[in-house]
PDB file of all heavy atoms in Angstrom:
ATOM      1  N   LEU A   1      -8.718   3.423   5.848  1.00  0.00           N
ATOM      2  CA  LEU A   1      -7.566   4.320   5.993  1.00  0.00           C
ATOM      3  C   LEU A   1      -6.535   3.720   6.940  1.00  0.00           C
ATOM      4  O   LEU A   1      -5.324   3.852   6.717  1.00  0.00           O
ATOM      5  CB  LEU A   1      -8.012   5.688   6.507  1.00  0.00           C
ATOM      6  CG  LEU A   1      -8.642   6.664   5.516  1.00  0.00           C
ATOM      7  CD1 LEU A   1      -8.757   8.041   6.135  1.00  0.00           C
ATOM      8  CD2 LEU A   1      -7.853   6.749   4.218  1.00  0.00           C
ATOM      9  N   GLU A   2      -6.992   3.088   8.005  1.00  0.00           N
ATOM     10  CA  GLU A   2      -6.068   2.419   8.930  1.00  0.00           C
ATOM     11  C   GLU A   2      -5.269   1.338   8.210  1.00  0.00           C
ATOM     12  O   GLU A   2      -4.057   1.197   8.405  1.00  0.00           O
ATOM     13  CB  GLU A   2      -6.850   1.798  10.089  1.00  0.00           C
ATOM     14  CG  GLU A   2      -7.369   2.783  11.117  1.00  0.00           C
ATOM     15  CD  GLU A   2      -6.287   3.231  12.084  1.00  0.00           C
ATOM     16  OE1 GLU A   2      -5.141   2.735  11.971  1.00  0.00           O
ATOM     17  OE2 GLU A   2      -6.583   4.091  12.924  1.00  0.00           O
ATOM     18  N   ALA A   3      -5.964   0.581   7.353  1.00  0.00           N
ATOM     19  CA  ALA A   3      -5.278  -0.473   6.599  1.00  0.00           C
ATOM     20  C   ALA A   3      -4.238   0.127   5.664  1.00  0.00           C
ATOM     21  O   ALA A   3      -3.118  -0.389   5.545  1.00  0.00           O
ATOM     22  CB  ALA A   3      -6.299  -1.295   5.813  1.00  0.00           C
ATOM     23  N   LEU A   4      -4.594   1.223   4.979  1.00  0.00           N
ATOM     24  CA  LEU A   4      -3.636   1.873   4.084  1.00  0.00           C
ATOM     25  C   LEU A   4      -2.441   2.414   4.863  1.00  0.00           C
ATOM     26  O   LEU A   4      -1.292   2.334   4.401  1.00  0.00           O
ATOM     27  CB  LEU A   4      -4.326   2.993   3.313  1.00  0.00           C
ATOM     28  CG  LEU A   4      -5.288   2.550   2.211  1.00  0.00           C
ATOM     29  CD1 LEU A   4      -6.076   3.742   1.681  1.00  0.00           C
ATOM     30  CD2 LEU A   4      -4.533   1.872   1.073  1.00  0.00           C
ATOM     31  N   ALA A   5      -2.698   2.989   6.022  1.00  0.00           N
ATOM     32  CA  ALA A   5      -1.599   3.498   6.849  1.00  0.00           C
ATOM     33  C   ALA A   5      -0.661   2.355   7.247  1.00  0.00           C
ATOM     34  O   ALA A   5       0.569   2.488   7.182  1.00  0.00           O
ATOM     35  CB  ALA A   5      -2.163   4.187   8.089  1.00  0.00           C
ATOM     36  N   GLU A   6      -1.238   1.241   7.652  1.00  0.00           N
ATOM     37  CA  GLU A   6      -0.435   0.073   8.036  1.00  0.00           C
ATOM     38  C   GLU A   6       0.390  -0.434   6.850  1.00  0.00           C
ATOM     39  O   GLU A   6       1.572  -0.780   7.002  1.00  0.00           O
ATOM     40  CB  GLU A   6      -1.381  -1.019   8.539  1.00  0.00           C
ATOM     41  CG  GLU A   6      -0.701  -2.273   9.012  1.00  0.00           C
ATOM     42  CD  GLU A   6      -1.718  -3.315   9.448  1.00  0.00           C
ATOM     43  OE1 GLU A   6      -2.692  -2.942  10.128  1.00  0.00           O
ATOM     44  OE2 GLU A   6      -1.528  -4.498   9.087  1.00  0.00           O
ATOM     45  N   ILE A   7      -0.228  -0.462   5.670  1.00  0.00           N
ATOM     46  CA  ILE A   7       0.475  -0.928   4.476  1.00  0.00           C
ATOM     47  C   ILE A   7       1.616   0.022   4.116  1.00  0.00           C
ATOM     48  O   ILE A   7       2.726  -0.412   3.759  1.00  0.00           O
ATOM     49  CB  ILE A   7      -0.518  -1.072   3.307  1.00  0.00           C
ATOM     50  CG1 ILE A   7      -1.391  -2.306   3.534  1.00  0.00           C
ATOM     51  CG2 ILE A   7       0.195  -1.162   1.966  1.00  0.00           C
ATOM     52  CD1 ILE A   7      -2.588  -2.396   2.619  1.00  0.00           C
ATOM     53  N   CYS A   8       1.353   1.337   4.199  1.00  0.00           N
ATOM     54  CA  CYS A   8       2.428   2.313   3.926  1.00  0.00           C
ATOM     55  C   CYS A   8       3.594   2.110   4.880  1.00  0.00           C
ATOM     56  O   CYS A   8       4.765   2.173   4.478  1.00  0.00           O
ATOM     57  CB  CYS A   8       1.892   3.738   4.052  1.00  0.00           C
ATOM     58  SG  CYS A   8       0.779   4.239   2.728  1.00  0.00           S
ATOM     59  N   ASP A   9       3.284   1.867   6.151  1.00  0.00           N
ATOM     60  CA  ASP A   9       4.336   1.644   7.144  1.00  0.00           C
ATOM     61  C   ASP A   9       5.150   0.391   6.848  1.00  0.00           C
ATOM     62  O   ASP A   9       6.373   0.389   6.939  1.00  0.00           O
ATOM     63  CB  ASP A   9       3.713   1.498   8.541  1.00  0.00           C
ATOM     64  CG  ASP A   9       3.594   2.829   9.261  1.00  0.00           C
ATOM     65  OD1 ASP A   9       4.356   3.747   8.934  1.00  0.00           O
ATOM     66  OD2 ASP A   9       2.740   2.934  10.167  1.00  0.00           O
ATOM     67  N   GLN A  10       4.469  -0.671   6.480  1.00  0.00           N
ATOM     68  CA  GLN A  10       5.121  -1.979   6.386  1.00  0.00           C
ATOM     69  C   GLN A  10       5.685  -2.318   5.010  1.00  0.00           C
ATOM     70  O   GLN A  10       6.603  -3.133   4.898  1.00  0.00           O
ATOM     71  CB  GLN A  10       4.130  -3.075   6.789  1.00  0.00           C
ATOM     72  CG  GLN A  10       3.686  -2.987   8.240  1.00  0.00           C
ATOM     73  CD  GLN A  10       2.754  -4.121   8.615  1.00  0.00           C
ATOM     74  OE1 GLN A  10       2.537  -5.053   7.850  1.00  0.00           O
ATOM     75  NE2 GLN A  10       2.183  -4.048   9.815  1.00  0.00           N
ATOM     76  N   PHE A  11       5.134  -1.690   3.950  1.00  0.00           N
ATOM     77  CA  PHE A  11       5.482  -2.146   2.607  1.00  0.00           C
ATOM     78  C   PHE A  11       6.131  -1.089   1.709  1.00  0.00           C
ATOM     79  O   PHE A  11       6.685  -1.453   0.677  1.00  0.00           O
ATOM     80  CB  PHE A  11       4.231  -2.684   1.902  1.00  0.00           C
ATOM     81  CG  PHE A  11       3.646  -3.914   2.522  1.00  0.00           C
ATOM     82  CD1 PHE A  11       2.643  -3.818   3.470  1.00  0.00           C
ATOM     83  CD2 PHE A  11       4.104  -5.185   2.178  1.00  0.00           C
ATOM     84  CE1 PHE A  11       2.090  -4.946   4.050  1.00  0.00           C
ATOM     85  CE2 PHE A  11       3.562  -6.317   2.746  1.00  0.00           C
ATOM     86  CZ  PHE A  11       2.552  -6.197   3.697  1.00  0.00           C
ATOM     87  N   THR A  12       6.004   0.206   2.016  1.00  0.00           N
ATOM     88  CA  THR A  12       6.556   1.228   1.121  1.00  0.00           C
ATOM     89  C   THR A  12       7.780   1.887   1.749  1.00  0.00           C
ATOM     90  O   THR A  12       7.764   2.225   2.943  1.00  0.00           O
ATOM     91  CB  THR A  12       5.508   2.310   0.790  1.00  0.00           C
ATOM     92  OG1 THR A  12       5.228   3.090   1.955  1.00  0.00           O
ATOM     93  CG2 THR A  12       4.217   1.685   0.281  1.00  0.00           C
ATOM     94  N   PRO A  13       8.851   2.109   0.995  1.00  0.00           N
ATOM     95  CA  PRO A  13      10.057   2.748   1.536  1.00  0.00           C
ATOM     96  C   PRO A  13       9.794   4.159   2.062  1.00  0.00           C
ATOM     97  O   PRO A  13      10.421   4.592   3.034  1.00  0.00           O
ATOM     98  CB  PRO A  13      11.002   2.778   0.328  1.00  0.00           C
ATOM     99  CG  PRO A  13      10.504   1.713  -0.594  1.00  0.00           C
ATOM    100  CD  PRO A  13       9.017   1.680  -0.406  1.00  0.00           C
ATOM    101  N   SER A  14       8.852   4.874   1.433  1.00  0.00           N
ATOM    102  CA  SER A  14       8.594   6.264   1.823  1.00  0.00           C
ATOM    103  C   SER A  14       7.590   6.400   2.954  1.00  0.00           C
ATOM    104  O   SER A  14       7.362   7.498   3.451  1.00  0.00           O
ATOM    105  CB  SER A  14       8.063   7.042   0.612  1.00  0.00           C
ATOM    106  OG  SER A  14       6.810   6.513   0.199  1.00  0.00           O
ATOM    107  N   ARG A  15       6.943   5.292   3.349  1.00  0.00           N
ATOM    108  CA  ARG A  15       5.873   5.301   4.345  1.00  0.00           C
ATOM    109  C   ARG A  15       4.769   6.293   3.945  1.00  0.00           C
ATOM    110  O   ARG A  15       4.235   7.034   4.764  1.00  0.00           O
ATOM    111  CB  ARG A  15       6.392   5.647   5.741  1.00  0.00           C
ATOM    112  CG  ARG A  15       7.357   4.642   6.338  1.00  0.00           C
ATOM    113  CD  ARG A  15       7.719   4.963   7.780  1.00  0.00           C
ATOM    114  NE  ARG A  15       6.540   4.949   8.642  1.00  0.00           N
ATOM    115  CZ  ARG A  15       6.058   6.022   9.270  1.00  0.00           C
ATOM    116  NH1 ARG A  15       6.635   7.204   9.097  1.00  0.00           N
ATOM    117  NH2 ARG A  15       5.002   5.928  10.054  1.00  0.00           N
ATOM    118  N   SER A  16       4.435   6.273   2.659  1.00  0.00           N
ATOM    119  CA  SER A  16       3.414   7.193   2.157  1.00  0.00           C
ATOM    120  C   SER A  16       2.735   6.580   0.939  1.00  0.00           C
ATOM    121  O   SER A  16       3.152   5.531   0.441  1.00  0.00           O
ATOM    122  CB  SER A  16       4.036   8.541   1.776  1.00  0.00           C
ATOM    123  OG  SER A  16       4.924   8.389   0.681  1.00  0.00           O
ATOM    124  N   CYS A  17       1.695   7.257   0.462  1.00  0.00           N
ATOM    125  CA  CYS A  17       1.012   6.831  -0.757  1.00  0.00           C
ATOM    126  C   CYS A  17       0.559   8.067  -1.527  1.00  0.00           C
ATOM    127  O   CYS A  17       0.708   9.199  -1.057  1.00  0.00           O
ATOM    128  CB  CYS A  17      -0.168   5.915  -0.454  1.00  0.00           C
ATOM    129  SG  CYS A  17      -1.471   6.673   0.545  1.00  0.00           S
ATOM    130  N   HIS A  18       0.003   7.843  -2.705  1.00  0.00           N
ATOM    131  CA  HIS A  18      -0.397   8.937  -3.585  1.00  0.00           C
ATOM    132  C   HIS A  18      -1.874   8.796  -3.929  1.00  0.00           C
ATOM    133  O   HIS A  18      -2.330   7.712  -4.318  1.00  0.00           O
ATOM    134  CB  HIS A  18       0.451   8.910  -4.866  1.00  0.00           C
ATOM    135  CG  HIS A  18       0.110   9.984  -5.845  1.00  0.00           C
ATOM    136  ND1 HIS A  18       0.393  11.310  -5.624  1.00  0.00           N
ATOM    137  CD2 HIS A  18      -0.504   9.931  -7.063  1.00  0.00           C
ATOM    138  CE1 HIS A  18      -0.015  12.022  -6.667  1.00  0.00           C
ATOM    139  NE2 HIS A  18      -0.580  11.212  -7.538  1.00  0.00           N
ATOM    140  N   LEU A  19      -2.633   9.882  -3.772  1.00  0.00           N
ATOM    141  CA  LEU A  19      -4.044   9.919  -4.153  1.00  0.00           C
ATOM    142  C   LEU A  19      -4.145  10.409  -5.585  1.00  0.00           C
ATOM    143  O   LEU A  19      -3.551  11.434  -5.929  1.00  0.00           O
ATOM    144  CB  LEU A  19      -4.827  10.860  -3.226  1.00  0.00           C
ATOM    145  CG  LEU A  19      -4.604  10.675  -1.728  1.00  0.00           C
ATOM    146  CD1 LEU A  19      -5.473  11.653  -0.935  1.00  0.00           C
ATOM    147  CD2 LEU A  19      -4.880   9.249  -1.300  1.00  0.00           C
ATOM    148  N   THR A  20      -4.878   9.705  -6.431  1.00  0.00           N
ATOM    149  CA  THR A  20      -4.876  10.005  -7.859  1.00  0.00           C
ATOM    150  C   THR A  20      -6.137  10.740  -8.292  1.00  0.00           C
ATOM    151  O   THR A  20      -7.120  10.843  -7.552  1.00  0.00           O
ATOM    152  CB  THR A  20      -4.761   8.714  -8.699  1.00  0.00           C
ATOM    153  OG1 THR A  20      -6.056   8.090  -8.786  1.00  0.00           O
ATOM    154  CG2 THR A  20      -3.764   7.736  -8.091  1.00  0.00           C
ATOM    155  N   THR A  21      -6.126  11.211  -9.529  1.00  0.00           N
ATOM    156  CA  THR A  21      -7.283  11.897 -10.090  1.00  0.00           C
ATOM    157  C   THR A  21      -8.428  10.945 -10.399  1.00  0.00           C
ATOM    158  O   THR A  21      -9.524  11.406 -10.732  1.00  0.00           O
ATOM    159  CB  THR A  21      -6.890  12.658 -11.374  1.00  0.00           C
ATOM    160  OG1 THR A  21      -6.271  11.744 -12.295  1.00  0.00           O
ATOM    161  CG2 THR A  21      -5.935  13.795 -11.069  1.00  0.00           C
ATOM    162  N   ARG A  22      -8.208   9.631 -10.306  1.00  0.00           N
ATOM    163  CA  ARG A  22      -9.298   8.661 -10.455  1.00  0.00           C
ATOM    164  C   ARG A  22      -9.812   8.195  -9.109  1.00  0.00           C
ATOM    165  O   ARG A  22     -10.455   7.152  -8.992  1.00  0.00           O
ATOM    166  CB  ARG A  22      -8.869   7.460 -11.301  1.00  0.00           C
ATOM    167  CG  ARG A  22      -8.952   7.765 -12.784  1.00  0.00           C
ATOM    168  CD  ARG A  22      -9.456   6.604 -13.602  1.00  0.00           C
ATOM    169  NE  ARG A  22     -10.820   6.219 -13.353  1.00  0.00           N
ATOM    170  CZ  ARG A  22     -11.898   6.911 -13.731  1.00  0.00           C
ATOM    171  NH1 ARG A  22     -11.763   8.064 -14.335  1.00  0.00           N
ATOM    172  NH2 ARG A  22     -13.106   6.468 -13.473  1.00  0.00           N
ATOM    173  N   GLN A  23      -9.490   8.964  -8.060  1.00  0.00           N
ATOM    174  CA  GLN A  23      -9.979   8.651  -6.715  1.00  0.00           C
ATOM    175  C   GLN A  23      -9.498   7.273  -6.265  1.00  0.00           C
ATOM    176  O   GLN A  23     -10.215   6.525  -5.600  1.00  0.00           O
ATOM    177  CB  GLN A  23     -11.508   8.786  -6.669  1.00  0.00           C
ATOM    178  CG  GLN A  23     -11.983  10.213  -6.940  1.00  0.00           C
ATOM    179  CD  GLN A  23     -13.451  10.335  -7.273  1.00  0.00           C
ATOM    180  OE1 GLN A  23     -13.819  10.710  -8.376  1.00  0.00           O
ATOM    181  NE2 GLN A  23     -14.318  10.023  -6.324  1.00  0.00           N
ATOM    182  N   ASP A  24      -8.285   6.969  -6.660  1.00  0.00           N
ATOM    183  CA  ASP A  24      -7.606   5.733  -6.277  1.00  0.00           C
ATOM    184  C   ASP A  24      -6.428   6.062  -5.369  1.00  0.00           C
ATOM    185  O   ASP A  24      -6.095   7.236  -5.153  1.00  0.00           O
ATOM    186  CB  ASP A  24      -7.064   5.014  -7.519  1.00  0.00           C
ATOM    187  CG  ASP A  24      -8.119   4.171  -8.217  1.00  0.00           C
ATOM    188  OD1 ASP A  24      -9.036   3.694  -7.538  1.00  0.00           O
ATOM    189  OD2 ASP A  24      -8.014   3.995  -9.442  1.00  0.00           O
ATOM    190  N   VAL A  25      -5.769   5.025  -4.892  1.00  0.00           N
ATOM    191  CA  VAL A  25      -4.543   5.163  -4.106  1.00  0.00           C
ATOM    192  C   VAL A  25      -3.444   4.378  -4.801  1.00  0.00           C
ATOM    193  O   VAL A  25      -3.652   3.232  -5.206  1.00  0.00           O
ATOM    194  CB  VAL A  25      -4.738   4.633  -2.671  1.00  0.00           C
ATOM    195  CG1 VAL A  25      -3.424   4.671  -1.898  1.00  0.00           C
ATOM    196  CG2 VAL A  25      -5.803   5.448  -1.940  1.00  0.00           C
ATOM    197  N   GLN A  26      -2.279   4.988  -4.959  1.00  0.00           N
ATOM    198  CA  GLN A  26      -1.132   4.302  -5.544  1.00  0.00           C
ATOM    199  C   GLN A  26      -0.036   4.124  -4.494  1.00  0.00           C
ATOM    200  O   GLN A  26       0.252   5.047  -3.725  1.00  0.00           O
ATOM    201  CB  GLN A  26      -0.586   5.069  -6.750  1.00  0.00           C
ATOM    202  CG  GLN A  26      -1.518   5.024  -7.953  1.00  0.00           C
ATOM    203  CD  GLN A  26      -0.954   5.758  -9.165  1.00  0.00           C
ATOM    204  OE1 GLN A  26      -0.024   6.546  -9.058  1.00  0.00           O
ATOM    205  NE2 GLN A  26      -1.537   5.511 -10.318  1.00  0.00           N
ATOM    206  N   LEU A  27       0.567   2.950  -4.490  1.00  0.00           N
ATOM    207  CA  LEU A  27       1.647   2.597  -3.574  1.00  0.00           C
ATOM    208  C   LEU A  27       2.886   2.269  -4.394  1.00  0.00           C
ATOM    209  O   LEU A  27       2.793   1.581  -5.411  1.00  0.00           O
ATOM    210  CB  LEU A  27       1.250   1.388  -2.730  1.00  0.00           C
ATOM    211  CG  LEU A  27      -0.039   1.533  -1.910  1.00  0.00           C
ATOM    212  CD1 LEU A  27      -0.606   0.173  -1.557  1.00  0.00           C
ATOM    213  CD2 LEU A  27       0.231   2.335  -0.657  1.00  0.00           C
ATOM    214  N   TYR A  28       4.047   2.728  -3.946  1.00  0.00           N
ATOM    215  CA  TYR A  28       5.270   2.565  -4.725  1.00  0.00           C
ATOM    216  C   TYR A  28       6.349   1.833  -3.930  1.00  0.00           C
ATOM    217  O   TYR A  28       6.377   1.862  -2.706  1.00  0.00           O
ATOM    218  CB  TYR A  28       5.819   3.937  -5.143  1.00  0.00           C
ATOM    219  CG  TYR A  28       4.815   4.817  -5.833  1.00  0.00           C
ATOM    220  CD1 TYR A  28       4.402   6.017  -5.269  1.00  0.00           C
ATOM    221  CD2 TYR A  28       4.265   4.440  -7.058  1.00  0.00           C
ATOM    222  CE1 TYR A  28       3.481   6.829  -5.911  1.00  0.00           C
ATOM    223  CE2 TYR A  28       3.337   5.249  -7.700  1.00  0.00           C
ATOM    224  CZ  TYR A  28       2.944   6.433  -7.127  1.00  0.00           C
ATOM    225  OH  TYR A  28       2.021   7.232  -7.754  1.00  0.00           O
ATOM    226  N   GLY A  29       7.249   1.182  -4.689  1.00  0.00           N
ATOM    227  CA  GLY A  29       8.434   0.566  -4.089  1.00  0.00           C
ATOM    228  C   GLY A  29       8.165  -0.737  -3.366  1.00  0.00           C
ATOM    229  O   GLY A  29       8.897  -1.108  -2.445  1.00  0.00           O
ATOM    230  N   ILE A  30       7.123  -1.463  -3.781  1.00  0.00           N
ATOM    231  CA  ILE A  30       6.759  -2.714  -3.095  1.00  0.00           C
ATOM    232  C   ILE A  30       7.726  -3.836  -3.518  1.00  0.00           C
ATOM    233  O   ILE A  30       7.950  -4.052  -4.712  1.00  0.00           O
ATOM    234  CB  ILE A  30       5.318  -3.129  -3.445  1.00  0.00           C
ATOM    235  CG1 ILE A  30       4.350  -1.953  -3.277  1.00  0.00           C
ATOM    236  CG2 ILE A  30       4.898  -4.322  -2.603  1.00  0.00           C
ATOM    237  CD1 ILE A  30       4.281  -1.376  -1.910  1.00  0.00           C
ATOM    238  N   ASP A  31       8.263  -4.554  -2.559  1.00  0.00           N
ATOM    239  CA  ASP A  31       9.060  -5.739  -2.880  1.00  0.00           C
ATOM    240  C   ASP A  31       8.126  -6.830  -3.399  1.00  0.00           C
ATOM    241  O   ASP A  31       7.152  -7.196  -2.728  1.00  0.00           O
ATOM    242  CB  ASP A  31       9.798  -6.251  -1.635  1.00  0.00           C
ATOM    243  CG  ASP A  31      10.938  -5.341  -1.232  1.00  0.00           C
ATOM    244  OD1 ASP A  31      11.461  -4.642  -2.120  1.00  0.00           O
ATOM    245  OD2 ASP A  31      11.289  -5.315  -0.041  1.00  0.00           O
ATOM    246  N   ARG A  32       8.424  -7.378  -4.561  1.00  0.00           N
ATOM    247  CA  ARG A  32       7.526  -8.355  -5.180  1.00  0.00           C
ATOM    248  C   ARG A  32       7.191  -9.551  -4.286  1.00  0.00           C
ATOM    249  O   ARG A  32       6.044  -9.981  -4.229  1.00  0.00           O
ATOM    250  CB  ARG A  32       8.112  -8.836  -6.508  1.00  0.00           C
ATOM    251  CG  ARG A  32       7.999  -7.810  -7.613  1.00  0.00           C
ATOM    252  CD  ARG A  32       8.334  -8.420  -8.948  1.00  0.00           C
ATOM    253  NE  ARG A  32       8.230  -7.438 -10.016  1.00  0.00           N
ATOM    254  CZ  ARG A  32       8.379  -7.720 -11.298  1.00  0.00           C
ATOM    255  NH1 ARG A  32       8.639  -8.955 -11.667  1.00  0.00           N
ATOM    256  NH2 ARG A  32       8.269  -6.777 -12.212  1.00  0.00           N
ATOM    257  N   PRO A  33       8.168 -10.140  -3.585  1.00  0.00           N
ATOM    258  CA  PRO A  33       7.825 -11.302  -2.752  1.00  0.00           C
ATOM    259  C   PRO A  33       6.799 -10.985  -1.659  1.00  0.00           C
ATOM    260  O   PRO A  33       6.124 -11.883  -1.152  1.00  0.00           O
ATOM    261  CB  PRO A  33       9.174 -11.718  -2.138  1.00  0.00           C
ATOM    262  CG  PRO A  33      10.195 -11.180  -3.091  1.00  0.00           C
ATOM    263  CD  PRO A  33       9.618  -9.893  -3.599  1.00  0.00           C
ATOM    264  N   ARG A  34       6.660  -9.701  -1.308  1.00  0.00           N
ATOM    265  CA  ARG A  34       5.754  -9.315  -0.223  1.00  0.00           C
ATOM    266  C   ARG A  34       4.370  -8.928  -0.755  1.00  0.00           C
ATOM    267  O   ARG A  34       3.484  -8.602   0.041  1.00  0.00           O
ATOM    268  CB  ARG A  34       6.351  -8.156   0.568  1.00  0.00           C
ATOM    269  CG  ARG A  34       7.744  -8.446   1.139  1.00  0.00           C
ATOM    270  CD  ARG A  34       8.185  -7.346   2.074  1.00  0.00           C
ATOM    271  NE  ARG A  34       7.353  -7.309   3.266  1.00  0.00           N
ATOM    272  CZ  ARG A  34       7.241  -6.244   4.059  1.00  0.00           C
ATOM    273  NH1 ARG A  34       7.890  -5.140   3.758  1.00  0.00           N
ATOM    274  NH2 ARG A  34       6.466  -6.283   5.128  1.00  0.00           N
ATOM    275  N   LEU A  35       4.202  -8.954  -2.065  1.00  0.00           N
ATOM    276  CA  LEU A  35       2.942  -8.510  -2.642  1.00  0.00           C
ATOM    277  C   LEU A  35       1.740  -9.329  -2.169  1.00  0.00           C
ATOM    278  O   LEU A  35       0.687  -8.754  -1.864  1.00  0.00           O
ATOM    279  CB  LEU A  35       3.039  -8.537  -4.172  1.00  0.00           C
ATOM    280  CG  LEU A  35       1.868  -7.939  -4.943  1.00  0.00           C
ATOM    281  CD1 LEU A  35       1.631  -6.488  -4.554  1.00  0.00           C
ATOM    282  CD2 LEU A  35       2.100  -8.043  -6.437  1.00  0.00           C
ATOM    283  N   PRO A  36       1.811 -10.664  -2.080  1.00  0.00           N
ATOM    284  CA  PRO A  36       0.639 -11.412  -1.605  1.00  0.00           C
ATOM    285  C   PRO A  36       0.162 -10.964  -0.218  1.00  0.00           C
ATOM    286  O   PRO A  36      -1.041 -10.861   0.031  1.00  0.00           O
ATOM    287  CB  PRO A  36       1.124 -12.865  -1.601  1.00  0.00           C
ATOM    288  CG  PRO A  36       2.200 -12.900  -2.649  1.00  0.00           C
ATOM    289  CD  PRO A  36       2.888 -11.573  -2.535  1.00  0.00           C
ATOM    290  N   ALA A  37       1.089 -10.692   0.668  1.00  0.00           N
ATOM    291  CA  ALA A  37       0.719 -10.243   2.021  1.00  0.00           C
ATOM    292  C   ALA A  37       0.019  -8.888   1.955  1.00  0.00           C
ATOM    293  O   ALA A  37      -0.951  -8.642   2.686  1.00  0.00           O
ATOM    294  CB  ALA A  37       1.956 -10.173   2.910  1.00  0.00           C
ATOM    295  N   LEU A  38       0.508  -8.013   1.087  1.00  0.00           N
ATOM    296  CA  LEU A  38      -0.120  -6.704   0.924  1.00  0.00           C
ATOM    297  C   LEU A  38      -1.548  -6.851   0.399  1.00  0.00           C
ATOM    298  O   LEU A  38      -2.482  -6.212   0.904  1.00  0.00           O
ATOM    299  CB  LEU A  38       0.720  -5.846  -0.028  1.00  0.00           C
ATOM    300  CG  LEU A  38       0.307  -4.391  -0.269  1.00  0.00           C
ATOM    301  CD1 LEU A  38       1.512  -3.568  -0.687  1.00  0.00           C
ATOM    302  CD2 LEU A  38      -0.768  -4.261  -1.347  1.00  0.00           C
ATOM    303  N   LEU A  39      -1.723  -7.710  -0.602  1.00  0.00           N
ATOM    304  CA  LEU A  39      -3.049  -7.898  -1.194  1.00  0.00           C
ATOM    305  C   LEU A  39      -4.030  -8.489  -0.181  1.00  0.00           C
ATOM    306  O   LEU A  39      -5.217  -8.127  -0.163  1.00  0.00           O
ATOM    307  CB  LEU A  39      -2.956  -8.792  -2.430  1.00  0.00           C
ATOM    308  CG  LEU A  39      -2.169  -8.213  -3.611  1.00  0.00           C
ATOM    309  CD1 LEU A  39      -2.084  -9.228  -4.738  1.00  0.00           C
ATOM    310  CD2 LEU A  39      -2.804  -6.927  -4.112  1.00  0.00           C
ATOM    311  N   ARG A  40      -3.545  -9.391   0.654  1.00  0.00           N
ATOM    312  CA  ARG A  40      -4.413  -9.971   1.677  1.00  0.00           C
ATOM    313  C   ARG A  40      -4.858  -8.900   2.679  1.00  0.00           C
ATOM    314  O   ARG A  40      -6.009  -8.897   3.122  1.00  0.00           O
ATOM    315  CB  ARG A  40      -3.694 -11.121   2.394  1.00  0.00           C
ATOM    316  CG  ARG A  40      -3.660 -12.421   1.594  1.00  0.00           C
ATOM    317  CD  ARG A  40      -3.236 -13.591   2.466  1.00  0.00           C
ATOM    318  NE  ARG A  40      -1.825 -13.499   2.834  1.00  0.00           N
ATOM    319  CZ  ARG A  40      -0.827 -14.031   2.130  1.00  0.00           C
ATOM    320  NH1 ARG A  40      -1.094 -14.694   1.008  1.00  0.00           N
ATOM    321  NH2 ARG A  40       0.412 -13.915   2.525  1.00  0.00           N
ATOM    322  N   ARG A  41      -3.947  -7.991   3.016  1.00  0.00           N
ATOM    323  CA  ARG A  41      -4.304  -6.919   3.974  1.00  0.00           C
ATOM    324  C   ARG A  41      -5.319  -5.981   3.352  1.00  0.00           C
ATOM    325  O   ARG A  41      -6.263  -5.531   4.029  1.00  0.00           O
ATOM    326  CB  ARG A  41      -3.041  -6.144   4.381  1.00  0.00           C
ATOM    327  CG  ARG A  41      -3.304  -5.069   5.432  1.00  0.00           C
ATOM    328  CD  ARG A  41      -3.733  -5.686   6.744  1.00  0.00           C
ATOM    329  NE  ARG A  41      -4.125  -4.686   7.719  1.00  0.00           N
ATOM    330  CZ  ARG A  41      -5.378  -4.244   7.894  1.00  0.00           C
ATOM    331  NH1 ARG A  41      -6.357  -4.748   7.151  1.00  0.00           N
ATOM    332  NH2 ARG A  41      -5.643  -3.348   8.815  1.00  0.00           N
ATOM    333  N   LEU A  42      -5.162  -5.653   2.063  1.00  0.00           N
ATOM    334  CA  LEU A  42      -6.146  -4.825   1.374  1.00  0.00           C
ATOM    335  C   LEU A  42      -7.512  -5.505   1.352  1.00  0.00           C
ATOM    336  O   LEU A  42      -8.540  -4.890   1.654  1.00  0.00           O
ATOM    337  CB  LEU A  42      -5.692  -4.547  -0.060  1.00  0.00           C
ATOM    338  CG  LEU A  42      -4.593  -3.506  -0.290  1.00  0.00           C
ATOM    339  CD1 LEU A  42      -4.231  -3.473  -1.762  1.00  0.00           C
ATOM    340  CD2 LEU A  42      -5.036  -2.130   0.173  1.00  0.00           C
ATOM    341  N   ALA A  43      -7.520  -6.780   0.998  1.00  0.00           N
ATOM    342  CA  ALA A  43      -8.777  -7.512   0.889  1.00  0.00           C
ATOM    343  C   ALA A  43      -9.503  -7.565   2.226  1.00  0.00           C
ATOM    344  O   ALA A  43     -10.743  -7.470   2.288  1.00  0.00           O
ATOM    345  CB  ALA A  43      -8.514  -8.922   0.366  1.00  0.00           C
ATOM    346  N   ALA A  44      -8.756  -7.702   3.301  1.00  0.00           N
ATOM    347  CA  ALA A  44      -9.371  -7.757   4.627  1.00  0.00           C
ATOM    348  C   ALA A  44     -10.091  -6.458   4.967  1.00  0.00           C
ATOM    349  O   ALA A  44     -11.031  -6.455   5.761  1.00  0.00           O
ATOM    350  CB  ALA A  44      -8.301  -8.062   5.677  1.00  0.00           C
TER     351      ALA A  44
END
């Protein structure tokens, strides 16, 4: 959850995310060039 909060702060314009009916998390508005950094933070 801390990692998701950090990602929402740093990568999403709304500083938020969406919890789905498949028990997943969706993030919106990501700048494509920053996607590798986001994926590395998730993986960590």
